[in-house]
Each structure stands twice: as structure tokens, then as C-alpha cells.
Amino acid sequence: TLDERLDQVSERLGYGLSAQTEKTGQSLTQLYERLAVIDSAQKNLAALSSEMVSLKDILANKQARGAYGQARMEAIVRDGLHGTAYSFQTTLSNGTRPDCLVKLPDSETRLVIDAKFPLEAFNALKLAKGELAVKQAGTQLRSDVLRHVKDISEKYLIAGETHETAIMFVPSESIYADLYEHFEDVIQKAHRLRVIIAS
């Protein structure tokens, strides 16, 4: 009788261990699957982080940033206009090369779009601490933007060749919004110089 009971206990224990082993195996399989998903997500985050660093490097480098702004502007122009309605980096009669010339209907003149923007002063304003530093950075931003506006006005507005107004393209909605919200005087002075700041 004792042997039979021991056999029954052993049998039950065997079934119990077998069932527990199976459940543990299933749990481990699910855990491995979840770990694989987490690992994949981690790789995606690492790749995204790398791309963000490269974008930051692009925006930190003045020449690369100019190329980025130019590429954004070109993409918008290509999406919105027929291929014969624009040209990029075309030389004008005074030897200058604006980023984009747009052909206007029923006119021989071309609309100039310049895709460069002085970002350093804007970044300095964002990083400025204290009233004096903010005021100095704001003054520098006004000066840099207006210098660029003046360059566009003097280099690209040619009577009979280009339209009487040019566009300064800003490849950042936040910078564009800040200019219109906090630097209305800059926008007005740009208009008087016949340059429209756009994004």
C-alpha cells in the first residue's frame, strides 16, 4: 500500500513538474519575444538618435545648414510649380546667383528666392540669460537679419530682370513665427527694402 501511494505521489509530482516545466517554457518563450521587440525598438531609438545628432551637426555647420535650407526650399518649389516655371542657381546679369528664380506669368521678370538665414543670432537669443543678454542678442539678431535682407535687396533686385520684390526663405517655422511675433520692426524694414520673409 505504501509503495502504491508513493507511486501515486511520484506520478502526481511528475505530472506537476511536467506541467510547470511546460508553463515555464511558454513564459520564457513569451519573454524572449518581448525582449526581441524591445531590442528592435532600442535599435530604432539608437538609429533615430544618430540621425538627430547628424541633423544637429548639419544645423551647426553654416555651409551644411545652407544646403539644408536650399534643399527644403527646392523641394517646396518642385512640389508646387511646373518644371519649366523655375530654375535654381541661375546667374543674373550682375554675376550673382540667387538660390531660385521663379518665372512669372505674362512677364519677362523673375521672382528671386534666397534660402539662407542667419541662424547663429537666433540661437544666441534662445540661449541668452538675463535681461541685458537677451537685449544684446535681440539687437544682434535684428542686425544680422537686416544685413541679410539688405544683401538680397542690393544683389538680386535688378530692374527689368527680376521682380521688384524678393523672398527670403526661412526653413524653420519656429524662427519664422518668432520673427513675426517679436521682431515686427525687422519685418517692416524688410518690406521697405522689398524683401518678404517667408517659411
N, C-alpha and C. Protein backbone atom coordinates (compact mmCIF):
# COMPACT_ATOMS: atom_id res chain seq x y z
N THR A 1 0.84 -1.20 0.00
CA THR A 1 0.00 0.00 0.00
C THR A 1 0.87 1.25 0.00
N LEU A 2 1.89 1.20 0.83
CA LEU A 2 2.81 2.34 0.90
C LEU A 2 3.49 2.57 -0.45
N ASP A 3 3.91 1.46 -1.08
CA ASP A 3 4.54 1.57 -2.41
C ASP A 3 3.58 2.18 -3.43
N GLU A 4 2.28 1.75 -3.37
CA GLU A 4 1.29 2.29 -4.32
C GLU A 4 1.11 3.79 -4.11
N ARG A 5 1.03 4.15 -2.82
CA ARG A 5 0.86 5.58 -2.54
C ARG A 5 2.09 6.40 -2.98
N LEU A 6 3.24 5.84 -2.73
CA LEU A 6 4.46 6.53 -3.18
C LEU A 6 4.50 6.66 -4.70
N ASP A 7 4.05 5.58 -5.38
CA ASP A 7 3.98 5.65 -6.86
C ASP A 7 3.00 6.73 -7.32
N GLN A 8 1.83 6.80 -6.63
CA GLN A 8 0.84 7.82 -7.00
C GLN A 8 1.39 9.23 -6.77
N VAL A 9 2.05 9.40 -5.60
CA VAL A 9 2.64 10.71 -5.29
C VAL A 9 3.71 11.04 -6.33
N SER A 10 4.52 10.05 -6.68
CA SER A 10 5.59 10.28 -7.67
C SER A 10 5.00 10.66 -9.03
N GLU A 11 3.88 9.92 -9.36
CA GLU A 11 3.23 10.18 -10.64
C GLU A 11 2.67 11.60 -10.67
N ARG A 12 1.96 11.97 -9.56
CA ARG A 12 1.40 13.32 -9.50
C ARG A 12 2.52 14.37 -9.53
N LEU A 13 3.56 14.11 -8.82
CA LEU A 13 4.69 15.05 -8.79
C LEU A 13 5.31 15.19 -10.19
N GLY A 14 5.39 14.05 -10.89
CA GLY A 14 5.92 14.07 -12.26
C GLY A 14 5.05 14.91 -13.18
N TYR A 15 3.70 14.69 -13.08
CA TYR A 15 2.78 15.50 -13.90
C TYR A 15 2.90 16.98 -13.56
N GLY A 16 2.94 17.24 -12.26
CA GLY A 16 3.04 18.64 -11.81
C GLY A 16 4.30 19.31 -12.32
N LEU A 17 5.43 18.58 -12.20
CA LEU A 17 6.70 19.14 -12.70
C LEU A 17 6.69 19.33 -14.21
N SER A 18 6.08 18.37 -14.89
CA SER A 18 5.99 18.44 -16.35
C SER A 18 5.15 19.65 -16.77
N ALA A 19 3.98 19.82 -16.09
CA ALA A 19 3.11 20.95 -16.41
C ALA A 19 3.82 22.27 -16.09
N GLN A 20 4.52 22.31 -14.95
CA GLN A 20 5.23 23.52 -14.55
C GLN A 20 6.34 23.85 -15.55
N THR A 21 7.05 22.81 -15.99
CA THR A 21 8.13 23.00 -16.97
C THR A 21 7.57 23.56 -18.28
N GLU A 22 6.41 23.03 -18.69
CA GLU A 22 5.77 23.50 -19.93
C GLU A 22 5.37 24.97 -19.80
N LYS A 23 4.75 25.31 -18.65
CA LYS A 23 4.34 26.71 -18.41
C LYS A 23 5.55 27.63 -18.37
N THR A 24 6.61 27.17 -17.71
CA THR A 24 7.83 27.98 -17.63
C THR A 24 8.42 28.19 -19.02
N GLY A 25 8.39 27.11 -19.84
CA GLY A 25 8.89 27.21 -21.22
C GLY A 25 8.09 28.23 -22.02
N GLN A 26 6.75 28.19 -21.86
CA GLN A 26 5.90 29.15 -22.58
C GLN A 26 6.20 30.59 -22.12
N SER A 27 6.34 30.75 -20.81
CA SER A 27 6.63 32.08 -20.25
C SER A 27 7.97 32.60 -20.77
N LEU A 28 8.97 31.70 -20.82
CA LEU A 28 10.28 32.11 -21.33
C LEU A 28 10.22 32.47 -22.81
N THR A 29 9.43 31.69 -23.56
CA THR A 29 9.26 32.00 -24.99
C THR A 29 8.65 33.39 -25.17
N GLN A 30 7.59 33.67 -24.39
CA GLN A 30 6.96 34.99 -24.46
C GLN A 30 7.94 36.09 -24.04
N LEU A 31 8.73 35.80 -23.02
CA LEU A 31 9.72 36.76 -22.54
C LEU A 31 10.76 37.04 -23.63
N TYR A 32 11.23 35.99 -24.29
CA TYR A 32 12.20 36.15 -25.38
C TYR A 32 11.61 36.99 -26.52
N GLU A 33 10.32 36.73 -26.83
CA GLU A 33 9.66 37.50 -27.89
C GLU A 33 9.59 38.98 -27.52
N ARG A 34 9.22 39.25 -26.26
CA ARG A 34 9.14 40.64 -25.82
C ARG A 34 10.51 41.30 -25.80
N LEU A 35 11.51 40.54 -25.38
CA LEU A 35 12.87 41.07 -25.38
C LEU A 35 13.33 41.40 -26.81
N ALA A 36 12.93 40.55 -27.75
CA ALA A 36 13.28 40.80 -29.16
C ALA A 36 12.63 42.10 -29.64
N VAL A 37 11.36 42.32 -29.25
CA VAL A 37 10.66 43.56 -29.63
C VAL A 37 11.35 44.76 -29.00
N ILE A 38 11.71 44.64 -27.71
CA ILE A 38 12.40 45.73 -27.01
C ILE A 38 13.75 46.00 -27.65
N ASP A 39 14.45 44.94 -28.01
CA ASP A 39 15.76 45.08 -28.66
C ASP A 39 15.62 45.81 -29.99
N SER A 40 14.59 45.44 -30.75
CA SER A 40 14.34 46.10 -32.04
C SER A 40 14.02 47.58 -31.83
N ALA A 41 13.19 47.87 -30.82
CA ALA A 41 12.84 49.26 -30.51
C ALA A 41 14.08 50.04 -30.09
N GLN A 42 14.95 49.38 -29.30
CA GLN A 42 16.19 50.03 -28.86
C GLN A 42 17.07 50.37 -30.05
N LYS A 43 17.16 49.46 -31.02
CA LYS A 43 17.95 49.72 -32.22
C LYS A 43 17.37 50.90 -33.00
N ASN A 44 16.02 50.95 -33.09
CA ASN A 44 15.37 52.07 -33.79
C ASN A 44 15.66 53.38 -33.08
N LEU A 45 15.62 53.37 -31.74
CA LEU A 45 15.92 54.58 -30.98
C LEU A 45 17.37 55.01 -31.18
N ALA A 46 18.26 54.03 -31.20
CA ALA A 46 19.68 54.35 -31.42
C ALA A 46 19.88 54.96 -32.80
N ALA A 47 19.19 54.40 -33.81
CA ALA A 47 19.30 54.93 -35.17
C ALA A 47 18.72 56.34 -35.24
N LEU A 48 17.57 56.55 -34.58
CA LEU A 48 16.94 57.87 -34.56
C LEU A 48 17.83 58.88 -33.85
N SER A 49 18.44 58.44 -32.75
CA SER A 49 19.35 59.31 -32.01
C SER A 49 20.53 59.72 -32.89
N SER A 50 21.05 58.76 -33.65
CA SER A 50 22.16 59.04 -34.56
C SER A 50 21.75 60.05 -35.62
N GLU A 51 20.52 59.87 -36.15
CA GLU A 51 20.03 60.81 -37.16
C GLU A 51 19.85 62.21 -36.58
N MET A 52 19.36 62.29 -35.33
CA MET A 52 19.18 63.59 -34.68
C MET A 52 20.53 64.28 -34.48
N VAL A 53 21.54 63.50 -34.11
CA VAL A 53 22.87 64.07 -33.93
C VAL A 53 23.40 64.58 -35.26
N SER A 54 23.17 63.81 -36.34
CA SER A 54 23.65 64.26 -37.65
C SER A 54 22.89 65.49 -38.10
N LEU A 55 21.57 65.58 -37.79
CA LEU A 55 20.80 66.78 -38.13
C LEU A 55 21.33 67.96 -37.34
N LYS A 56 21.65 67.73 -36.05
CA LYS A 56 22.21 68.81 -35.23
C LYS A 56 23.54 69.27 -35.81
N ASP A 57 24.37 68.31 -36.27
CA ASP A 57 25.65 68.66 -36.88
C ASP A 57 25.44 69.47 -38.15
N ILE A 58 24.43 69.10 -38.93
CA ILE A 58 24.12 69.84 -40.16
C ILE A 58 23.75 71.28 -39.82
N LEU A 59 22.87 71.43 -38.82
CA LEU A 59 22.39 72.76 -38.47
C LEU A 59 23.47 73.59 -37.77
N ALA A 60 24.46 72.92 -37.19
CA ALA A 60 25.55 73.65 -36.55
C ALA A 60 26.57 74.15 -37.57
N ASN A 61 26.69 73.44 -38.68
CA ASN A 61 27.64 73.81 -39.72
C ASN A 61 26.96 74.77 -40.69
N LYS A 62 27.52 75.97 -40.81
CA LYS A 62 26.88 77.02 -41.61
C LYS A 62 26.67 76.59 -43.06
N GLN A 63 27.68 75.99 -43.66
CA GLN A 63 27.59 75.58 -45.06
C GLN A 63 26.58 74.45 -45.23
N ALA A 64 26.63 73.46 -44.34
CA ALA A 64 25.68 72.35 -44.40
C ALA A 64 24.26 72.83 -44.15
N ARG A 65 24.11 73.78 -43.21
CA ARG A 65 22.78 74.33 -42.92
C ARG A 65 22.22 75.05 -44.14
N GLY A 66 23.11 75.78 -44.85
CA GLY A 66 22.67 76.46 -46.07
C GLY A 66 22.18 75.45 -47.10
N ALA A 67 22.90 74.33 -47.20
CA ALA A 67 22.49 73.27 -48.14
C ALA A 67 21.16 72.67 -47.72
N TYR A 68 20.95 72.53 -46.40
CA TYR A 68 19.69 72.00 -45.89
C TYR A 68 18.53 72.95 -46.23
N GLY A 69 18.73 74.25 -45.97
CA GLY A 69 17.70 75.25 -46.30
C GLY A 69 17.42 75.27 -47.79
N GLN A 70 18.47 75.17 -48.58
CA GLN A 70 18.32 75.15 -50.04
C GLN A 70 17.51 73.92 -50.47
N ALA A 71 17.81 72.77 -49.89
CA ALA A 71 17.10 71.53 -50.25
C ALA A 71 15.62 71.62 -49.88
N ARG A 72 15.31 72.19 -48.69
CA ARG A 72 13.91 72.34 -48.27
C ARG A 72 13.16 73.25 -49.24
N MET A 73 13.80 74.37 -49.58
CA MET A 73 13.18 75.33 -50.50
C MET A 73 12.96 74.69 -51.86
N GLU A 74 13.96 73.98 -52.36
CA GLU A 74 13.84 73.33 -53.67
C GLU A 74 12.71 72.31 -53.68
N ALA A 75 12.58 71.54 -52.59
CA ALA A 75 11.50 70.54 -52.50
C ALA A 75 10.14 71.21 -52.57
N ILE A 76 9.98 72.33 -51.87
CA ILE A 76 8.69 73.05 -51.86
C ILE A 76 8.39 73.60 -53.25
N VAL A 77 9.39 74.19 -53.88
CA VAL A 77 9.20 74.76 -55.23
C VAL A 77 8.86 73.66 -56.23
N ARG A 78 9.60 72.55 -56.17
CA ARG A 78 9.33 71.44 -57.10
C ARG A 78 7.92 70.87 -56.91
N ASP A 79 7.48 70.79 -55.64
CA ASP A 79 6.14 70.26 -55.36
C ASP A 79 5.04 71.18 -55.84
N GLY A 80 5.30 72.49 -55.85
CA GLY A 80 4.24 73.44 -56.14
C GLY A 80 4.21 74.02 -57.54
N LEU A 81 5.31 73.90 -58.27
CA LEU A 81 5.38 74.54 -59.59
C LEU A 81 5.75 73.55 -60.69
N HIS A 82 5.35 73.90 -61.90
CA HIS A 82 5.71 73.11 -63.08
C HIS A 82 7.22 73.23 -63.30
N GLY A 83 7.82 72.20 -63.83
CA GLY A 83 9.27 72.15 -64.03
C GLY A 83 9.84 73.29 -64.86
N THR A 84 9.04 73.88 -65.73
CA THR A 84 9.54 74.98 -66.57
C THR A 84 9.34 76.35 -65.91
N ALA A 85 8.74 76.38 -64.73
CA ALA A 85 8.40 77.65 -64.09
C ALA A 85 9.48 78.15 -63.13
N TYR A 86 10.57 77.42 -63.00
CA TYR A 86 11.60 77.84 -62.05
C TYR A 86 12.97 77.33 -62.49
N SER A 87 14.00 77.91 -61.90
CA SER A 87 15.37 77.42 -62.10
C SER A 87 16.16 77.70 -60.82
N PHE A 88 17.16 76.86 -60.57
CA PHE A 88 17.98 77.00 -59.37
C PHE A 88 19.39 77.43 -59.74
N GLN A 89 19.98 78.29 -58.91
CA GLN A 89 21.37 78.74 -59.05
C GLN A 89 21.66 79.31 -60.45
N THR A 90 20.74 80.08 -60.97
CA THR A 90 20.92 80.71 -62.28
C THR A 90 21.65 82.04 -62.10
N THR A 91 22.62 82.31 -62.96
CA THR A 91 23.40 83.55 -62.86
C THR A 91 22.64 84.71 -63.48
N LEU A 92 22.57 85.81 -62.73
CA LEU A 92 21.92 87.03 -63.21
C LEU A 92 22.93 87.89 -63.98
N SER A 93 22.44 88.97 -64.58
CA SER A 93 23.30 89.82 -65.40
C SER A 93 24.41 90.49 -64.60
N ASN A 94 24.22 90.67 -63.28
CA ASN A 94 25.26 91.29 -62.46
C ASN A 94 26.24 90.26 -61.88
N GLY A 95 26.12 89.01 -62.31
CA GLY A 95 27.05 87.96 -61.88
C GLY A 95 26.64 87.23 -60.59
N THR A 96 25.56 87.65 -59.96
CA THR A 96 25.12 86.99 -58.74
C THR A 96 24.28 85.76 -59.09
N ARG A 97 24.20 84.81 -58.12
CA ARG A 97 23.45 83.57 -58.35
C ARG A 97 22.47 83.33 -57.21
N PRO A 98 21.23 83.77 -57.37
CA PRO A 98 20.24 83.50 -56.32
C PRO A 98 19.93 82.01 -56.26
N ASP A 99 19.40 81.58 -55.11
CA ASP A 99 19.09 80.16 -54.92
C ASP A 99 18.00 79.68 -55.87
N CYS A 100 17.03 80.55 -56.15
CA CYS A 100 15.93 80.15 -57.03
C CYS A 100 15.37 81.36 -57.79
N LEU A 101 15.02 81.14 -59.04
CA LEU A 101 14.30 82.13 -59.85
C LEU A 101 13.00 81.50 -60.30
N VAL A 102 11.89 82.22 -60.06
CA VAL A 102 10.58 81.72 -60.46
C VAL A 102 10.07 82.58 -61.61
N LYS A 103 9.67 81.92 -62.71
CA LYS A 103 9.11 82.65 -63.85
C LYS A 103 7.69 83.08 -63.52
N LEU A 104 7.40 84.34 -63.79
CA LEU A 104 6.07 84.87 -63.53
C LEU A 104 5.25 84.86 -64.82
N PRO A 105 3.95 84.62 -64.72
CA PRO A 105 3.11 84.58 -65.93
C PRO A 105 3.04 85.96 -66.61
N ASP A 106 3.06 85.95 -67.92
CA ASP A 106 2.95 87.18 -68.73
C ASP A 106 3.99 88.23 -68.34
N SER A 107 5.19 87.80 -68.01
CA SER A 107 6.24 88.74 -67.64
C SER A 107 7.62 88.13 -67.92
N GLU A 108 8.55 88.99 -68.28
CA GLU A 108 9.92 88.53 -68.51
C GLU A 108 10.74 88.54 -67.22
N THR A 109 10.22 89.21 -66.18
CA THR A 109 10.96 89.27 -64.91
C THR A 109 10.83 87.97 -64.14
N ARG A 110 11.77 87.74 -63.25
CA ARG A 110 11.80 86.53 -62.44
C ARG A 110 11.74 86.91 -60.95
N LEU A 111 11.05 86.10 -60.17
CA LEU A 111 10.97 86.30 -58.73
C LEU A 111 12.15 85.57 -58.08
N VAL A 112 12.91 86.29 -57.25
CA VAL A 112 14.08 85.72 -56.59
C VAL A 112 13.69 85.15 -55.23
N ILE A 113 14.18 83.94 -54.93
CA ILE A 113 14.04 83.35 -53.60
C ILE A 113 15.44 83.03 -53.09
N ASP A 114 15.75 83.55 -51.90
CA ASP A 114 17.04 83.27 -51.27
C ASP A 114 16.79 82.37 -50.07
N ALA A 115 17.54 81.26 -49.96
CA ALA A 115 17.25 80.25 -48.93
C ALA A 115 18.23 80.27 -47.76
N LYS A 116 18.99 81.34 -47.61
CA LYS A 116 19.93 81.38 -46.49
C LYS A 116 19.32 82.21 -45.36
N PHE A 117 19.70 81.87 -44.12
CA PHE A 117 19.19 82.61 -42.97
C PHE A 117 20.25 82.63 -41.88
N PRO A 118 20.48 83.81 -41.24
CA PRO A 118 21.50 83.88 -40.16
C PRO A 118 20.99 83.26 -38.86
N LEU A 119 21.27 81.97 -38.67
CA LEU A 119 20.74 81.22 -37.52
C LEU A 119 21.50 81.48 -36.23
N GLU A 120 22.78 81.84 -36.32
CA GLU A 120 23.60 81.98 -35.12
C GLU A 120 23.00 82.98 -34.13
N ALA A 121 22.55 84.12 -34.65
CA ALA A 121 21.99 85.16 -33.77
C ALA A 121 20.70 84.68 -33.12
N PHE A 122 19.90 83.92 -33.85
CA PHE A 122 18.66 83.40 -33.29
C PHE A 122 18.96 82.42 -32.17
N ASN A 123 19.94 81.55 -32.37
CA ASN A 123 20.33 80.59 -31.33
C ASN A 123 20.88 81.32 -30.09
N ALA A 124 21.66 82.38 -30.33
CA ALA A 124 22.20 83.16 -29.21
C ALA A 124 21.07 83.78 -28.39
N LEU A 125 20.02 84.24 -29.08
CA LEU A 125 18.87 84.82 -28.37
C LEU A 125 18.17 83.76 -27.53
N LYS A 126 18.02 82.57 -28.06
CA LYS A 126 17.36 81.49 -27.32
C LYS A 126 18.17 81.08 -26.08
N LEU A 127 19.49 81.17 -26.18
CA LEU A 127 20.35 80.74 -25.06
C LEU A 127 20.65 81.86 -24.07
N ALA A 128 20.26 83.10 -24.42
CA ALA A 128 20.58 84.25 -23.57
C ALA A 128 19.87 84.17 -22.22
N LYS A 129 20.62 84.51 -21.16
CA LYS A 129 20.07 84.53 -19.80
C LYS A 129 20.21 85.94 -19.25
N GLY A 130 19.15 86.43 -18.67
CA GLY A 130 19.18 87.78 -18.09
C GLY A 130 18.73 88.83 -19.10
N GLU A 131 18.22 89.93 -18.57
CA GLU A 131 17.63 90.97 -19.42
C GLU A 131 18.63 91.60 -20.37
N LEU A 132 19.85 91.89 -19.87
CA LEU A 132 20.87 92.53 -20.70
C LEU A 132 21.31 91.61 -21.85
N ALA A 133 21.54 90.32 -21.53
CA ALA A 133 21.97 89.35 -22.55
C ALA A 133 20.89 89.17 -23.61
N VAL A 134 19.63 89.12 -23.18
CA VAL A 134 18.51 88.97 -24.12
C VAL A 134 18.43 90.19 -25.04
N LYS A 135 18.62 91.38 -24.46
CA LYS A 135 18.56 92.62 -25.24
C LYS A 135 19.68 92.65 -26.28
N GLN A 136 20.90 92.29 -25.85
CA GLN A 136 22.05 92.28 -26.77
C GLN A 136 21.84 91.26 -27.89
N ALA A 137 21.35 90.07 -27.53
CA ALA A 137 21.11 89.03 -28.54
C ALA A 137 20.02 89.47 -29.53
N GLY A 138 18.99 90.14 -29.01
CA GLY A 138 17.92 90.66 -29.88
C GLY A 138 18.45 91.70 -30.85
N THR A 139 19.32 92.57 -30.36
CA THR A 139 19.95 93.59 -31.22
C THR A 139 20.79 92.93 -32.31
N GLN A 140 21.54 91.89 -31.92
CA GLN A 140 22.38 91.17 -32.89
C GLN A 140 21.52 90.47 -33.94
N LEU A 141 20.41 89.88 -33.50
CA LEU A 141 19.50 89.21 -34.44
C LEU A 141 18.94 90.21 -35.45
N ARG A 142 18.47 91.36 -34.95
CA ARG A 142 17.96 92.41 -35.85
C ARG A 142 19.02 92.79 -36.88
N SER A 143 20.24 93.02 -36.38
CA SER A 143 21.34 93.44 -37.24
C SER A 143 21.65 92.40 -38.31
N ASP A 144 21.75 91.13 -37.90
CA ASP A 144 22.11 90.05 -38.84
C ASP A 144 21.04 89.84 -39.89
N VAL A 145 19.76 89.81 -39.44
CA VAL A 145 18.67 89.59 -40.40
C VAL A 145 18.58 90.75 -41.38
N LEU A 146 18.67 91.97 -40.87
CA LEU A 146 18.56 93.14 -41.76
C LEU A 146 19.75 93.25 -42.70
N ARG A 147 20.94 92.81 -42.25
CA ARG A 147 22.11 92.80 -43.14
C ARG A 147 21.86 91.82 -44.29
N HIS A 148 21.29 90.67 -43.95
CA HIS A 148 20.99 89.67 -44.98
C HIS A 148 19.90 90.17 -45.93
N VAL A 149 18.88 90.81 -45.36
CA VAL A 149 17.81 91.40 -46.18
C VAL A 149 18.39 92.43 -47.14
N LYS A 150 19.29 93.27 -46.61
CA LYS A 150 19.92 94.31 -47.45
C LYS A 150 20.74 93.68 -48.57
N ASP A 151 21.47 92.60 -48.26
CA ASP A 151 22.25 91.90 -49.29
C ASP A 151 21.33 91.39 -50.41
N ILE A 152 20.20 90.80 -50.03
CA ILE A 152 19.25 90.29 -51.02
C ILE A 152 18.75 91.43 -51.89
N SER A 153 18.37 92.54 -51.23
CA SER A 153 17.83 93.70 -51.94
C SER A 153 18.85 94.28 -52.92
N GLU A 154 20.10 94.39 -52.48
CA GLU A 154 21.12 95.00 -53.32
C GLU A 154 21.61 94.08 -54.44
N LYS A 155 21.71 92.79 -54.15
CA LYS A 155 22.29 91.86 -55.13
C LYS A 155 21.27 91.35 -56.16
N TYR A 156 20.03 91.13 -55.73
CA TYR A 156 19.10 90.39 -56.58
C TYR A 156 17.95 91.20 -57.18
N LEU A 157 17.74 92.43 -56.74
CA LEU A 157 16.65 93.22 -57.31
C LEU A 157 17.20 94.07 -58.44
N ILE A 158 17.02 93.57 -59.67
CA ILE A 158 17.55 94.22 -60.87
C ILE A 158 16.38 94.64 -61.75
N ALA A 159 16.26 95.93 -61.99
CA ALA A 159 15.14 96.47 -62.77
C ALA A 159 15.09 95.82 -64.16
N GLY A 160 13.89 95.34 -64.53
CA GLY A 160 13.69 94.73 -65.84
C GLY A 160 14.11 93.27 -65.93
N GLU A 161 14.84 92.78 -64.92
CA GLU A 161 15.31 91.40 -64.95
C GLU A 161 14.66 90.55 -63.86
N THR A 162 14.60 91.11 -62.64
CA THR A 162 13.96 90.39 -61.55
C THR A 162 12.75 91.20 -61.06
N HIS A 163 11.85 90.52 -60.40
CA HIS A 163 10.66 91.18 -59.85
C HIS A 163 11.10 92.22 -58.83
N GLU A 164 10.27 93.22 -58.59
CA GLU A 164 10.64 94.29 -57.67
C GLU A 164 10.66 93.84 -56.21
N THR A 165 10.19 92.64 -55.93
CA THR A 165 10.21 92.08 -54.58
C THR A 165 10.92 90.73 -54.60
N ALA A 166 11.69 90.44 -53.56
CA ALA A 166 12.36 89.13 -53.43
C ALA A 166 11.84 88.45 -52.17
N ILE A 167 12.09 87.14 -52.08
CA ILE A 167 11.66 86.36 -50.92
C ILE A 167 12.88 85.80 -50.20
N MET A 168 12.91 85.99 -48.88
CA MET A 168 13.93 85.34 -48.05
C MET A 168 13.26 84.15 -47.37
N PHE A 169 13.68 82.94 -47.75
CA PHE A 169 13.07 81.71 -47.23
C PHE A 169 13.73 81.31 -45.93
N VAL A 170 12.91 81.10 -44.89
CA VAL A 170 13.39 80.64 -43.58
C VAL A 170 12.93 79.19 -43.41
N PRO A 171 13.87 78.22 -43.37
CA PRO A 171 13.46 76.80 -43.31
C PRO A 171 13.07 76.32 -41.92
N SER A 172 12.51 77.21 -41.11
CA SER A 172 12.09 76.83 -39.76
C SER A 172 10.84 77.61 -39.39
N GLU A 173 9.76 76.87 -39.12
CA GLU A 173 8.50 77.53 -38.74
C GLU A 173 8.64 78.29 -37.42
N SER A 174 9.40 77.75 -36.47
CA SER A 174 9.52 78.40 -35.16
C SER A 174 10.27 79.73 -35.28
N ILE A 175 11.34 79.76 -36.08
CA ILE A 175 12.07 81.02 -36.27
C ILE A 175 11.18 82.03 -36.98
N TYR A 176 10.50 81.58 -38.00
CA TYR A 176 9.58 82.44 -38.76
C TYR A 176 8.52 83.04 -37.83
N ALA A 177 7.91 82.21 -36.99
CA ALA A 177 6.87 82.68 -36.06
C ALA A 177 7.45 83.67 -35.05
N ASP A 178 8.67 83.39 -34.53
CA ASP A 178 9.30 84.30 -33.57
C ASP A 178 9.60 85.65 -34.21
N LEU A 179 10.05 85.64 -35.45
CA LEU A 179 10.33 86.90 -36.14
C LEU A 179 9.07 87.76 -36.23
N TYR A 180 7.98 87.14 -36.66
CA TYR A 180 6.73 87.89 -36.82
C TYR A 180 6.11 88.30 -35.49
N GLU A 181 6.38 87.51 -34.43
CA GLU A 181 5.78 87.81 -33.14
C GLU A 181 6.59 88.83 -32.35
N HIS A 182 7.93 88.74 -32.40
CA HIS A 182 8.77 89.57 -31.54
C HIS A 182 9.61 90.61 -32.28
N PHE A 183 9.68 90.52 -33.60
CA PHE A 183 10.53 91.45 -34.36
C PHE A 183 9.77 92.06 -35.54
N GLU A 184 8.63 92.64 -35.22
CA GLU A 184 7.79 93.26 -36.25
C GLU A 184 8.54 94.37 -36.98
N ASP A 185 9.42 95.08 -36.26
CA ASP A 185 10.20 96.15 -36.89
C ASP A 185 11.10 95.60 -37.99
N VAL A 186 11.66 94.39 -37.78
CA VAL A 186 12.52 93.76 -38.80
C VAL A 186 11.69 93.42 -40.03
N ILE A 187 10.50 92.88 -39.81
CA ILE A 187 9.61 92.53 -40.92
C ILE A 187 9.26 93.77 -41.73
N GLN A 188 8.94 94.87 -41.04
CA GLN A 188 8.56 96.11 -41.72
C GLN A 188 9.73 96.70 -42.50
N LYS A 189 10.93 96.67 -41.90
CA LYS A 189 12.12 97.18 -42.60
C LYS A 189 12.43 96.33 -43.82
N ALA A 190 12.24 95.01 -43.69
CA ALA A 190 12.44 94.12 -44.84
C ALA A 190 11.45 94.46 -45.95
N HIS A 191 10.19 94.73 -45.60
CA HIS A 191 9.20 95.11 -46.60
C HIS A 191 9.60 96.40 -47.30
N ARG A 192 10.14 97.37 -46.54
CA ARG A 192 10.56 98.62 -47.16
C ARG A 192 11.73 98.41 -48.12
N LEU A 193 12.55 97.38 -47.82
CA LEU A 193 13.63 97.02 -48.74
C LEU A 193 13.17 96.06 -49.84
N ARG A 194 11.85 95.80 -49.86
CA ARG A 194 11.20 94.96 -50.87
C ARG A 194 11.64 93.49 -50.79
N VAL A 195 11.79 93.02 -49.53
CA VAL A 195 12.11 91.61 -49.28
C VAL A 195 11.04 91.06 -48.34
N ILE A 196 10.41 89.96 -48.75
CA ILE A 196 9.40 89.31 -47.93
C ILE A 196 10.03 88.09 -47.27
N ILE A 197 9.90 88.00 -45.95
CA ILE A 197 10.41 86.84 -45.22
C ILE A 197 9.31 85.78 -45.20
N ALA A 198 9.62 84.60 -45.69
CA ALA A 198 8.63 83.54 -45.80
C ALA A 198 9.18 82.24 -45.26
N SER A 199 8.25 81.29 -44.96
CA SER A 199 8.67 79.99 -44.46
C SER A 199 7.91 78.90 -45.19
